Amino acid sequence: MKNYQGRRTIDGITVTVNGVPLDACYDLEAFTDLGFEWSYEGDSPRQLALALIADCIGPDQARRWSEPFMIKVIAELDNDWQLTEDDVRSAVQLISPQFADN
């Protein structure tokens, strides 16, 4: 089971998957080159949405669902947060019930 964690500290922002830095997936899509952010809607939060979905579900789903995932999930995260693989999958399924068939 994958565990995702984000922290905003005085030293900056870190996002990890099972303790290892999460790949920003710029090779899939570059909404920004400024890294990850959360708690609002924008390019850096969308980059985080893309990276989480790509790591958890796959690149094709990441491109398709990054914007609604950013709006429904990423924009609502606190300064420090944790999501599991199941949390990501469930959120994408809620955004699009037809995801379950893919």
PDB file of N, CA and C in Angstrom:
ATOM      1  N   MET A   1       0.845  -1.178   0.000  1.00  0.00           N
ATOM      2  CA  MET A   1       0.000   0.000   0.000  1.00  0.00           C
ATOM      3  C   MET A   1       0.890   1.241   0.000  1.00  0.00           C
ATOM      4  N   LYS A   2       0.612   2.144  -0.890  1.00  0.00           N
ATOM      5  CA  LYS A   2       1.373   3.392  -0.959  1.00  0.00           C
ATOM      6  C   LYS A   2       0.763   4.419  -0.011  1.00  0.00           C
ATOM      7  N   ASN A   3       1.652   5.157   0.638  1.00  0.00           N
ATOM      8  CA  ASN A   3       1.251   6.236   1.525  1.00  0.00           C
ATOM      9  C   ASN A   3       1.910   7.521   1.052  1.00  0.00           C
ATOM     10  N   TYR A   4       1.104   8.533   0.838  1.00  0.00           N
ATOM     11  CA  TYR A   4       1.569   9.829   0.358  1.00  0.00           C
ATOM     12  C   TYR A   4       1.496  10.818   1.510  1.00  0.00           C
ATOM     13  N   GLN A   5       2.512  11.684   1.591  1.00  0.00           N
ATOM     14  CA  GLN A   5       2.549  12.657   2.671  1.00  0.00           C
ATOM     15  C   GLN A   5       3.084  13.975   2.145  1.00  0.00           C
ATOM     16  N   GLY A   6       2.429  15.051   2.547  1.00  0.00           N
ATOM     17  CA  GLY A   6       2.886  16.394   2.211  1.00  0.00           C
ATOM     18  C   GLY A   6       3.099  17.196   3.469  1.00  0.00           C
ATOM     19  N   ARG A   7       4.175  17.982   3.447  1.00  0.00           N
ATOM     20  CA  ARG A   7       4.491  18.838   4.593  1.00  0.00           C
ATOM     21  C   ARG A   7       4.936  20.197   4.087  1.00  0.00           C
ATOM     22  N   ARG A   8       4.429  21.219   4.752  1.00  0.00           N
ATOM     23  CA  ARG A   8       4.848  22.588   4.474  1.00  0.00           C
ATOM     24  C   ARG A   8       5.546  23.072   5.744  1.00  0.00           C
ATOM     25  N   THR A   9       6.849  23.350   5.637  1.00  0.00           N
ATOM     26  CA  THR A   9       7.636  23.774   6.794  1.00  0.00           C
ATOM     27  C   THR A   9       8.381  25.061   6.468  1.00  0.00           C
ATOM     28  N   ILE A  10       9.116  25.551   7.430  1.00  0.00           N
ATOM     29  CA  ILE A  10       9.923  26.747   7.231  1.00  0.00           C
ATOM     30  C   ILE A  10      10.998  26.515   6.158  1.00  0.00           C
ATOM     31  N   ASP A  11      11.379  25.251   5.968  1.00  0.00           N
ATOM     32  CA  ASP A  11      12.400  24.902   4.974  1.00  0.00           C
ATOM     33  C   ASP A  11      11.825  24.652   3.585  1.00  0.00           C
ATOM     34  N   GLY A  12      10.509  24.676   3.460  1.00  0.00           N
ATOM     35  CA  GLY A  12       9.888  24.468   2.157  1.00  0.00           C
ATOM     36  C   GLY A  12       8.868  23.349   2.181  1.00  0.00           C
ATOM     37  N   ILE A  13       8.555  22.877   0.987  1.00  0.00           N
ATOM     38  CA  ILE A  13       7.517  21.867   0.800  1.00  0.00           C
ATOM     39  C   ILE A  13       8.153  20.531   0.436  1.00  0.00           C
ATOM     40  N   THR A  14       7.646  19.464   1.040  1.00  0.00           N
ATOM     41  CA  THR A  14       8.061  18.125   0.640  1.00  0.00           C
ATOM     42  C   THR A  14       6.816  17.274   0.427  1.00  0.00           C
ATOM     43  N   VAL A  15       6.872  16.444  -0.598  1.00  0.00           N
ATOM     44  CA  VAL A  15       5.825  15.461  -0.858  1.00  0.00           C
ATOM     45  C   VAL A  15       6.528  14.136  -1.104  1.00  0.00           C
ATOM     46  N   THR A  16       6.105  13.111  -0.354  1.00  0.00           N
ATOM     47  CA  THR A  16       6.753  11.809  -0.474  1.00  0.00           C
ATOM     48  C   THR A  16       5.719  10.705  -0.703  1.00  0.00           C
ATOM     49  N   VAL A  17       6.217   9.616  -1.269  1.00  0.00           N
ATOM     50  CA  VAL A  17       5.444   8.383  -1.379  1.00  0.00           C
ATOM     51  C   VAL A  17       6.282   7.308  -0.690  1.00  0.00           C
ATOM     52  N   ASN A  18       5.733   6.744   0.368  1.00  0.00           N
ATOM     53  CA  ASN A  18       6.453   5.769   1.193  1.00  0.00           C
ATOM     54  C   ASN A  18       7.832   6.281   1.596  1.00  0.00           C
ATOM     55  N   GLY A  19       7.905   7.579   1.928  1.00  0.00           N
ATOM     56  CA  GLY A  19       9.139   8.175   2.420  1.00  0.00           C
ATOM     57  C   GLY A  19      10.112   8.655   1.364  1.00  0.00           C
ATOM     58  N   VAL A  20       9.821   8.431   0.082  1.00  0.00           N
ATOM     59  CA  VAL A  20      10.695   8.832  -1.022  1.00  0.00           C
ATOM     60  C   VAL A  20      10.037  10.004  -1.755  1.00  0.00           C
ATOM     61  N   PRO A  21      10.815  11.008  -2.178  1.00  0.00           N
ATOM     62  CA  PRO A  21      10.206  12.139  -2.886  1.00  0.00           C
ATOM     63  C   PRO A  21       9.362  11.688  -4.079  1.00  0.00           C
ATOM     64  N   LEU A  22       8.164  12.278  -4.191  1.00  0.00           N
ATOM     65  CA  LEU A  22       7.251  11.974  -5.288  1.00  0.00           C
ATOM     66  C   LEU A  22       7.745  12.659  -6.560  1.00  0.00           C
ATOM     67  N   ASP A  23       7.796  11.917  -7.655  1.00  0.00           N
ATOM     68  CA  ASP A  23       8.178  12.457  -8.960  1.00  0.00           C
ATOM     69  C   ASP A  23       7.112  13.440  -9.434  1.00  0.00           C
ATOM     70  N   ALA A  24       7.502  14.609  -9.884  1.00  0.00           N
ATOM     71  CA  ALA A  24       6.556  15.634 -10.350  1.00  0.00           C
ATOM     72  C   ALA A  24       5.927  15.289 -11.698  1.00  0.00           C
ATOM     73  N   CYS A  25       6.458  14.306 -12.399  1.00  0.00           N
ATOM     74  CA  CYS A  25       5.907  13.840 -13.682  1.00  0.00           C
ATOM     75  C   CYS A  25       5.875  14.937 -14.744  1.00  0.00           C
ATOM     76  N   TYR A  26       6.923  15.749 -14.769  1.00  0.00           N
ATOM     77  CA  TYR A  26       7.015  16.790 -15.795  1.00  0.00           C
ATOM     78  C   TYR A  26       7.059  16.203 -17.198  1.00  0.00           C
ATOM     79  N   ASP A  27       7.486  14.950 -17.316  1.00  0.00           N
ATOM     80  CA  ASP A  27       7.520  14.293 -18.625  1.00  0.00           C
ATOM     81  C   ASP A  27       6.111  14.017 -19.151  1.00  0.00           C
ATOM     82  N   LEU A  28       5.121  13.933 -18.272  1.00  0.00           N
ATOM     83  CA  LEU A  28       3.724  13.735 -18.700  1.00  0.00           C
ATOM     84  C   LEU A  28       3.081  15.052 -19.094  1.00  0.00           C
ATOM     85  N   GLU A  29       3.262  16.034 -18.220  1.00  0.00           N
ATOM     86  CA  GLU A  29       2.655  17.362 -18.423  1.00  0.00           C
ATOM     87  C   GLU A  29       3.323  18.309 -17.438  1.00  0.00           C
ATOM     88  N   ALA A  30       3.664  19.486 -17.907  1.00  0.00           N
ATOM     89  CA  ALA A  30       4.261  20.494 -17.033  1.00  0.00           C
ATOM     90  C   ALA A  30       3.311  21.683 -16.934  1.00  0.00           C
ATOM     91  N   PHE A  31       2.534  21.700 -15.866  1.00  0.00           N
ATOM     92  CA  PHE A  31       1.650  22.840 -15.628  1.00  0.00           C
ATOM     93  C   PHE A  31       2.442  24.000 -15.043  1.00  0.00           C
ATOM     94  N   THR A  32       3.548  23.680 -14.377  1.00  0.00           N
ATOM     95  CA  THR A  32       4.429  24.658 -13.753  1.00  0.00           C
ATOM     96  C   THR A  32       5.804  24.035 -13.598  1.00  0.00           C
ATOM     97  N   ASP A  33       6.809  24.873 -13.424  1.00  0.00           N
ATOM     98  CA  ASP A  33       8.136  24.350 -13.096  1.00  0.00           C
ATOM     99  C   ASP A  33       8.518  24.758 -11.667  1.00  0.00           C
ATOM    100  N   LEU A  34       7.524  25.191 -10.897  1.00  0.00           N
ATOM    101  CA  LEU A  34       7.755  25.671  -9.541  1.00  0.00           C
ATOM    102  C   LEU A  34       7.537  24.608  -8.474  1.00  0.00           C
ATOM    103  N   GLY A  35       7.226  23.379  -8.871  1.00  0.00           N
ATOM    104  CA  GLY A  35       7.031  22.307  -7.899  1.00  0.00           C
ATOM    105  C   GLY A  35       5.594  22.191  -7.442  1.00  0.00           C
ATOM    106  N   PHE A  36       5.411  21.487  -6.342  1.00  0.00           N
ATOM    107  CA  PHE A  36       4.086  21.189  -5.820  1.00  0.00           C
ATOM    108  C   PHE A  36       3.583  22.290  -4.888  1.00  0.00           C
ATOM    109  N   GLU A  37       2.269  22.357  -4.781  1.00  0.00           N
ATOM    110  CA  GLU A  37       1.566  23.180  -3.793  1.00  0.00           C
ATOM    111  C   GLU A  37       0.211  22.547  -3.562  1.00  0.00           C
ATOM    112  N   TRP A  38      -0.495  23.026  -2.557  1.00  0.00           N
ATOM    113  CA  TRP A  38      -1.850  22.547  -2.268  1.00  0.00           C
ATOM    114  C   TRP A  38      -2.589  23.595  -1.449  1.00  0.00           C
ATOM    115  N   SER A  39      -3.847  23.336  -1.162  1.00  0.00           N
ATOM    116  CA  SER A  39      -4.742  24.215  -0.405  1.00  0.00           C
ATOM    117  C   SER A  39      -5.369  25.327  -1.240  1.00  0.00           C
ATOM    118  N   TYR A  40      -5.186  25.281  -2.537  1.00  0.00           N
ATOM    119  CA  TYR A  40      -5.833  26.225  -3.443  1.00  0.00           C
ATOM    120  C   TYR A  40      -5.841  25.608  -4.839  1.00  0.00           C
ATOM    121  N   GLU A  41      -6.524  26.240  -5.778  1.00  0.00           N
ATOM    122  CA  GLU A  41      -6.549  25.785  -7.170  1.00  0.00           C
ATOM    123  C   GLU A  41      -5.527  26.581  -7.972  1.00  0.00           C
ATOM    124  N   GLY A  42      -4.726  25.873  -8.765  1.00  0.00           N
ATOM    125  CA  GLY A  42      -3.714  26.536  -9.574  1.00  0.00           C
ATOM    126  C   GLY A  42      -2.792  25.529 -10.235  1.00  0.00           C
ATOM    127  N   ASP A  43      -1.757  26.042 -10.883  1.00  0.00           N
ATOM    128  CA  ASP A  43      -0.843  25.188 -11.640  1.00  0.00           C
ATOM    129  C   ASP A  43      -0.024  24.242 -10.756  1.00  0.00           C
ATOM    130  N   SER A  44       0.528  24.737  -9.665  1.00  0.00           N
ATOM    131  CA  SER A  44       1.322  23.873  -8.781  1.00  0.00           C
ATOM    132  C   SER A  44       0.466  22.814  -8.083  1.00  0.00           C
ATOM    133  N   PRO A  45      -0.743  23.145  -7.613  1.00  0.00           N
ATOM    134  CA  PRO A  45      -1.607  22.088  -7.088  1.00  0.00           C
ATOM    135  C   PRO A  45      -2.015  21.076  -8.160  1.00  0.00           C
ATOM    136  N   ARG A  46      -2.204  21.537  -9.390  1.00  0.00           N
ATOM    137  CA  ARG A  46      -2.551  20.590 -10.454  1.00  0.00           C
ATOM    138  C   ARG A  46      -1.377  19.669 -10.761  1.00  0.00           C
ATOM    139  N   GLN A  47      -0.142  20.174 -10.641  1.00  0.00           N
ATOM    140  CA  GLN A  47       1.030  19.322 -10.839  1.00  0.00           C
ATOM    141  C   GLN A  47       1.053  18.217  -9.789  1.00  0.00           C
ATOM    142  N   LEU A  48       0.689  18.560  -8.560  1.00  0.00           N
ATOM    143  CA  LEU A  48       0.611  17.557  -7.493  1.00  0.00           C
ATOM    144  C   LEU A  48      -0.477  16.534  -7.799  1.00  0.00           C
ATOM    145  N   ALA A  49      -1.632  16.998  -8.242  1.00  0.00           N
ATOM    146  CA  ALA A  49      -2.715  16.072  -8.593  1.00  0.00           C
ATOM    147  C   ALA A  49      -2.264  15.100  -9.672  1.00  0.00           C
ATOM    148  N   LEU A  50      -1.634  15.614 -10.710  1.00  0.00           N
ATOM    149  CA  LEU A  50      -1.124  14.787 -11.807  1.00  0.00           C
ATOM    150  C   LEU A  50      -0.148  13.734 -11.274  1.00  0.00           C
ATOM    151  N   ALA A  51       0.787  14.171 -10.431  1.00  0.00           N
ATOM    152  CA  ALA A  51       1.815  13.265  -9.916  1.00  0.00           C
ATOM    153  C   ALA A  51       1.218  12.180  -9.024  1.00  0.00           C
ATOM    154  N   LEU A  52       0.281  12.543  -8.169  1.00  0.00           N
ATOM    155  CA  LEU A  52      -0.348  11.545  -7.287  1.00  0.00           C
ATOM    156  C   LEU A  52      -1.113  10.503  -8.094  1.00  0.00           C
ATOM    157  N   ILE A  53      -1.915  10.956  -9.042  1.00  0.00           N
ATOM    158  CA  ILE A  53      -2.698  10.007  -9.840  1.00  0.00           C
ATOM    159  C   ILE A  53      -1.787   9.145 -10.703  1.00  0.00           C
ATOM    160  N   ALA A  54      -0.768   9.748 -11.307  1.00  0.00           N
ATOM    161  CA  ALA A  54       0.159   8.982 -12.149  1.00  0.00           C
ATOM    162  C   ALA A  54       0.863   7.900 -11.336  1.00  0.00           C
ATOM    163  N   ASP A  55       1.309   8.237 -10.146  1.00  0.00           N
ATOM    164  CA  ASP A  55       2.016   7.264  -9.321  1.00  0.00           C
ATOM    165  C   ASP A  55       1.085   6.159  -8.833  1.00  0.00           C
ATOM    166  N   CYS A  56      -0.128   6.527  -8.514  1.00  0.00           N
ATOM    167  CA  CYS A  56      -1.066   5.576  -7.920  1.00  0.00           C
ATOM    168  C   CYS A  56      -1.813   4.743  -8.965  1.00  0.00           C
ATOM    169  N   ILE A  57      -2.272   5.395 -10.038  1.00  0.00           N
ATOM    170  CA  ILE A  57      -3.179   4.738 -10.979  1.00  0.00           C
ATOM    171  C   ILE A  57      -2.570   4.566 -12.369  1.00  0.00           C
ATOM    172  N   GLY A  58      -1.823   5.567 -12.826  1.00  0.00           N
ATOM    173  CA  GLY A  58      -1.197   5.484 -14.134  1.00  0.00           C
ATOM    174  C   GLY A  58      -1.265   6.798 -14.886  1.00  0.00           C
ATOM    175  N   PRO A  59      -0.369   6.978 -15.856  1.00  0.00           N
ATOM    176  CA  PRO A  59      -0.263   8.258 -16.554  1.00  0.00           C
ATOM    177  C   PRO A  59      -1.494   8.650 -17.360  1.00  0.00           C
ATOM    178  N   ASP A  60      -2.150   7.704 -17.989  1.00  0.00           N
ATOM    179  CA  ASP A  60      -3.332   8.061 -18.787  1.00  0.00           C
ATOM    180  C   ASP A  60      -4.431   8.638 -17.914  1.00  0.00           C
ATOM    181  N   GLN A  61      -4.661   8.039 -16.763  1.00  0.00           N
ATOM    182  CA  GLN A  61      -5.674   8.549 -15.847  1.00  0.00           C
ATOM    183  C   GLN A  61      -5.254   9.897 -15.270  1.00  0.00           C
ATOM    184  N   ALA A  62      -3.949  10.085 -15.072  1.00  0.00           N
ATOM    185  CA  ALA A  62      -3.455  11.334 -14.490  1.00  0.00           C
ATOM    186  C   ALA A  62      -3.770  12.523 -15.382  1.00  0.00           C
ATOM    187  N   ARG A  63      -3.523  12.382 -16.646  1.00  0.00           N
ATOM    188  CA  ARG A  63      -3.834  13.489 -17.575  1.00  0.00           C
ATOM    189  C   ARG A  63      -5.325  13.800 -17.560  1.00  0.00           C
ATOM    190  N   ARG A  64      -6.123  12.776 -17.543  1.00  0.00           N
ATOM    191  CA  ARG A  64      -7.574  12.935 -17.649  1.00  0.00           C
ATOM    192  C   ARG A  64      -8.201  13.540 -16.397  1.00  0.00           C
ATOM    193  N   TRP A  65      -7.717  13.158 -15.220  1.00  0.00           N
ATOM    194  CA  TRP A  65      -8.392  13.525 -13.981  1.00  0.00           C
ATOM    195  C   TRP A  65      -7.641  14.525 -13.114  1.00  0.00           C
ATOM    196  N   SER A  66      -6.520  15.061 -13.580  1.00  0.00           N
ATOM    197  CA  SER A  66      -5.736  15.958 -12.721  1.00  0.00           C
ATOM    198  C   SER A  66      -6.495  17.224 -12.325  1.00  0.00           C
ATOM    199  N   GLU A  67      -7.235  17.821 -13.240  1.00  0.00           N
ATOM    200  CA  GLU A  67      -7.934  19.058 -12.887  1.00  0.00           C
ATOM    201  C   GLU A  67      -9.068  18.831 -11.879  1.00  0.00           C
ATOM    202  N   PRO A  68      -9.989  17.887 -12.130  1.00  0.00           N
ATOM    203  CA  PRO A  68     -11.039  17.694 -11.115  1.00  0.00           C
ATOM    204  C   PRO A  68     -10.494  17.183  -9.781  1.00  0.00           C
ATOM    205  N   PHE A  69      -9.439  16.374  -9.802  1.00  0.00           N
ATOM    206  CA  PHE A  69      -8.822  15.895  -8.562  1.00  0.00           C
ATOM    207  C   PHE A  69      -8.208  17.067  -7.799  1.00  0.00           C
ATOM    208  N   MET A  70      -7.583  17.970  -8.524  1.00  0.00           N
ATOM    209  CA  MET A  70      -7.018  19.158  -7.902  1.00  0.00           C
ATOM    210  C   MET A  70      -8.109  19.972  -7.216  1.00  0.00           C
ATOM    211  N   ILE A  71      -9.236  20.155  -7.893  1.00  0.00           N
ATOM    212  CA  ILE A  71     -10.332  20.967  -7.353  1.00  0.00           C
ATOM    213  C   ILE A  71     -10.964  20.300  -6.127  1.00  0.00           C
ATOM    214  N   LYS A  72     -11.245  19.004  -6.219  1.00  0.00           N
ATOM    215  CA  LYS A  72     -11.972  18.292  -5.158  1.00  0.00           C
ATOM    216  C   LYS A  72     -11.099  17.837  -3.992  1.00  0.00           C
ATOM    217  N   VAL A  73      -9.822  17.553  -4.253  1.00  0.00           N
ATOM    218  CA  VAL A  73      -8.976  16.971  -3.208  1.00  0.00           C
ATOM    219  C   VAL A  73      -7.819  17.889  -2.824  1.00  0.00           C
ATOM    220  N   ILE A  74      -6.981  18.222  -3.773  1.00  0.00           N
ATOM    221  CA  ILE A  74      -5.748  18.963  -3.496  1.00  0.00           C
ATOM    222  C   ILE A  74      -6.025  20.336  -2.904  1.00  0.00           C
ATOM    223  N   ALA A  75      -7.018  21.031  -3.432  1.00  0.00           N
ATOM    224  CA  ALA A  75      -7.347  22.376  -2.938  1.00  0.00           C
ATOM    225  C   ALA A  75      -7.853  22.362  -1.499  1.00  0.00           C
ATOM    226  N   GLU A  76      -8.266  21.200  -1.013  1.00  0.00           N
ATOM    227  CA  GLU A  76      -8.830  21.079   0.338  1.00  0.00           C
ATOM    228  C   GLU A  76      -7.831  20.572   1.378  1.00  0.00           C
ATOM    229  N   LEU A  77      -6.600  20.274   0.981  1.00  0.00           N
ATOM    230  CA  LEU A  77      -5.617  19.720   1.917  1.00  0.00           C
ATOM    231  C   LEU A  77      -5.092  20.783   2.882  1.00  0.00           C
ATOM    232  N   ASP A  78      -4.766  20.348   4.108  1.00  0.00           N
ATOM    233  CA  ASP A  78      -4.150  21.218   5.114  1.00  0.00           C
ATOM    234  C   ASP A  78      -2.648  21.330   4.854  1.00  0.00           C
ATOM    235  N   ASN A  79      -1.962  22.122   5.687  1.00  0.00           N
ATOM    236  CA  ASN A  79      -0.520  22.286   5.535  1.00  0.00           C
ATOM    237  C   ASN A  79       0.217  20.950   5.551  1.00  0.00           C
ATOM    238  N   ASP A  80      -0.134  20.083   6.473  1.00  0.00           N
ATOM    239  CA  ASP A  80       0.421  18.731   6.538  1.00  0.00           C
ATOM    240  C   ASP A  80      -0.710  17.763   6.258  1.00  0.00           C
ATOM    241  N   TRP A  81      -0.463  16.802   5.383  1.00  0.00           N
ATOM    242  CA  TRP A  81      -1.523  15.871   4.996  1.00  0.00           C
ATOM    243  C   TRP A  81      -0.948  14.495   4.707  1.00  0.00           C
ATOM    244  N   GLN A  82      -1.841  13.521   4.731  1.00  0.00           N
ATOM    245  CA  GLN A  82      -1.506  12.146   4.355  1.00  0.00           C
ATOM    246  C   GLN A  82      -2.666  11.587   3.547  1.00  0.00           C
ATOM    247  N   LEU A  83      -2.336  10.874   2.500  1.00  0.00           N
ATOM    248  CA  LEU A  83      -3.315  10.154   1.694  1.00  0.00           C
ATOM    249  C   LEU A  83      -2.773   8.760   1.439  1.00  0.00           C
ATOM    250  N   THR A  84      -3.643   7.787   1.415  1.00  0.00           N
ATOM    251  CA  THR A  84      -3.231   6.439   1.037  1.00  0.00           C
ATOM    252  C   THR A  84      -3.563   6.215  -0.433  1.00  0.00           C
ATOM    253  N   GLU A  85      -3.054   5.139  -0.952  1.00  0.00           N
ATOM    254  CA  GLU A  85      -3.383   4.725  -2.310  1.00  0.00           C
ATOM    255  C   GLU A  85      -4.901   4.573  -2.457  1.00  0.00           C
ATOM    256  N   ASP A  86      -5.541   3.997  -1.453  1.00  0.00           N
ATOM    257  CA  ASP A  86      -6.995   3.839  -1.478  1.00  0.00           C
ATOM    258  C   ASP A  86      -7.716   5.186  -1.495  1.00  0.00           C
ATOM    259  N   ASP A  87      -7.186   6.169  -0.750  1.00  0.00           N
ATOM    260  CA  ASP A  87      -7.781   7.506  -0.751  1.00  0.00           C
ATOM    261  C   ASP A  87      -7.769   8.114  -2.148  1.00  0.00           C
ATOM    262  N   VAL A  88      -6.641   7.984  -2.835  1.00  0.00           N
ATOM    263  CA  VAL A  88      -6.510   8.540  -4.188  1.00  0.00           C
ATOM    264  C   VAL A  88      -7.474   7.836  -5.136  1.00  0.00           C
ATOM    265  N   ARG A  89      -7.479   6.514  -5.100  1.00  0.00           N
ATOM    266  CA  ARG A  89      -8.381   5.751  -5.972  1.00  0.00           C
ATOM    267  C   ARG A  89      -9.851   6.079  -5.702  1.00  0.00           C
ATOM    268  N   SER A  90     -10.220   6.167  -4.439  1.00  0.00           N
ATOM    269  CA  SER A  90     -11.601   6.484  -4.083  1.00  0.00           C
ATOM    270  C   SER A  90     -12.005   7.872  -4.566  1.00  0.00           C
ATOM    271  N   ALA A  91     -11.112   8.839  -4.426  1.00  0.00           N
ATOM    272  CA  ALA A  91     -11.415  10.198  -4.871  1.00  0.00           C
ATOM    273  C   ALA A  91     -11.605  10.255  -6.377  1.00  0.00           C
ATOM    274  N   VAL A  92     -10.753   9.560  -7.118  1.00  0.00           N
ATOM    275  CA  VAL A  92     -10.907   9.545  -8.580  1.00  0.00           C
ATOM    276  C   VAL A  92     -12.213   8.848  -8.946  1.00  0.00           C
ATOM    277  N   GLN A  93     -12.547   7.792  -8.254  1.00  0.00           N
ATOM    278  CA  GLN A  93     -13.804   7.089  -8.535  1.00  0.00           C
ATOM    279  C   GLN A  93     -15.011   7.985  -8.239  1.00  0.00           C
ATOM    280  N   LEU A  94     -14.952   8.786  -7.189  1.00  0.00           N
ATOM    281  CA  LEU A  94     -16.042   9.708  -6.887  1.00  0.00           C
ATOM    282  C   LEU A  94     -16.170  10.812  -7.952  1.00  0.00           C
ATOM    283  N   ILE A  95     -15.031  11.254  -8.457  1.00  0.00           N
ATOM    284  CA  ILE A  95     -15.032  12.274  -9.501  1.00  0.00           C
ATOM    285  C   ILE A  95     -15.662  11.718 -10.768  1.00  0.00           C
ATOM    286  N   SER A  96     -15.364  10.464 -11.056  1.00  0.00           N
ATOM    287  CA  SER A  96     -15.875   9.848 -12.265  1.00  0.00           C
ATOM    288  C   SER A  96     -16.224   8.386 -12.016  1.00  0.00           C
ATOM    289  N   PRO A  97     -17.486   8.082 -11.790  1.00  0.00           N
ATOM    290  CA  PRO A  97     -17.875   6.682 -11.554  1.00  0.00           C
ATOM    291  C   PRO A  97     -17.457   5.735 -12.671  1.00  0.00           C
ATOM    292  N   GLN A  98     -17.338   6.213 -13.908  1.00  0.00           N
ATOM    293  CA  GLN A  98     -16.934   5.321 -14.984  1.00  0.00           C
ATOM    294  C   GLN A  98     -15.471   4.897 -14.851  1.00  0.00           C
ATOM    295  N   PHE A  99     -14.688   5.577 -13.951  1.00  0.00           N
ATOM    296  CA  PHE A  99     -13.312   5.167 -13.697  1.00  0.00           C
ATOM    297  C   PHE A  99     -13.248   3.723 -13.252  1.00  0.00           C
ATOM    298  N   ALA A 100     -14.228   3.290 -12.485  1.00  0.00           N
ATOM    299  CA  ALA A 100     -14.249   1.920 -11.966  1.00  0.00           C
ATOM    300  C   ALA A 100     -14.229   0.905 -13.097  1.00  0.00           C
ATOM    301  N   ASP A 101     -14.743   1.291 -14.275  1.00  0.00           N
ATOM    302  CA  ASP A 101     -14.772   0.382 -15.409  1.00  0.00           C
ATOM    303  C   ASP A 101     -13.475   0.380 -16.205  1.00  0.00           C
ATOM    304  N   ASN A 102     -12.575   1.338 -15.934  1.00  0.00           N
ATOM    305  CA  ASN A 102     -11.315   1.460 -16.706  1.00  0.00           C
ATOM    306  C   ASN A 102     -10.244   0.566 -16.163  1.00  0.00           C
TER     307      ASN A 102
END
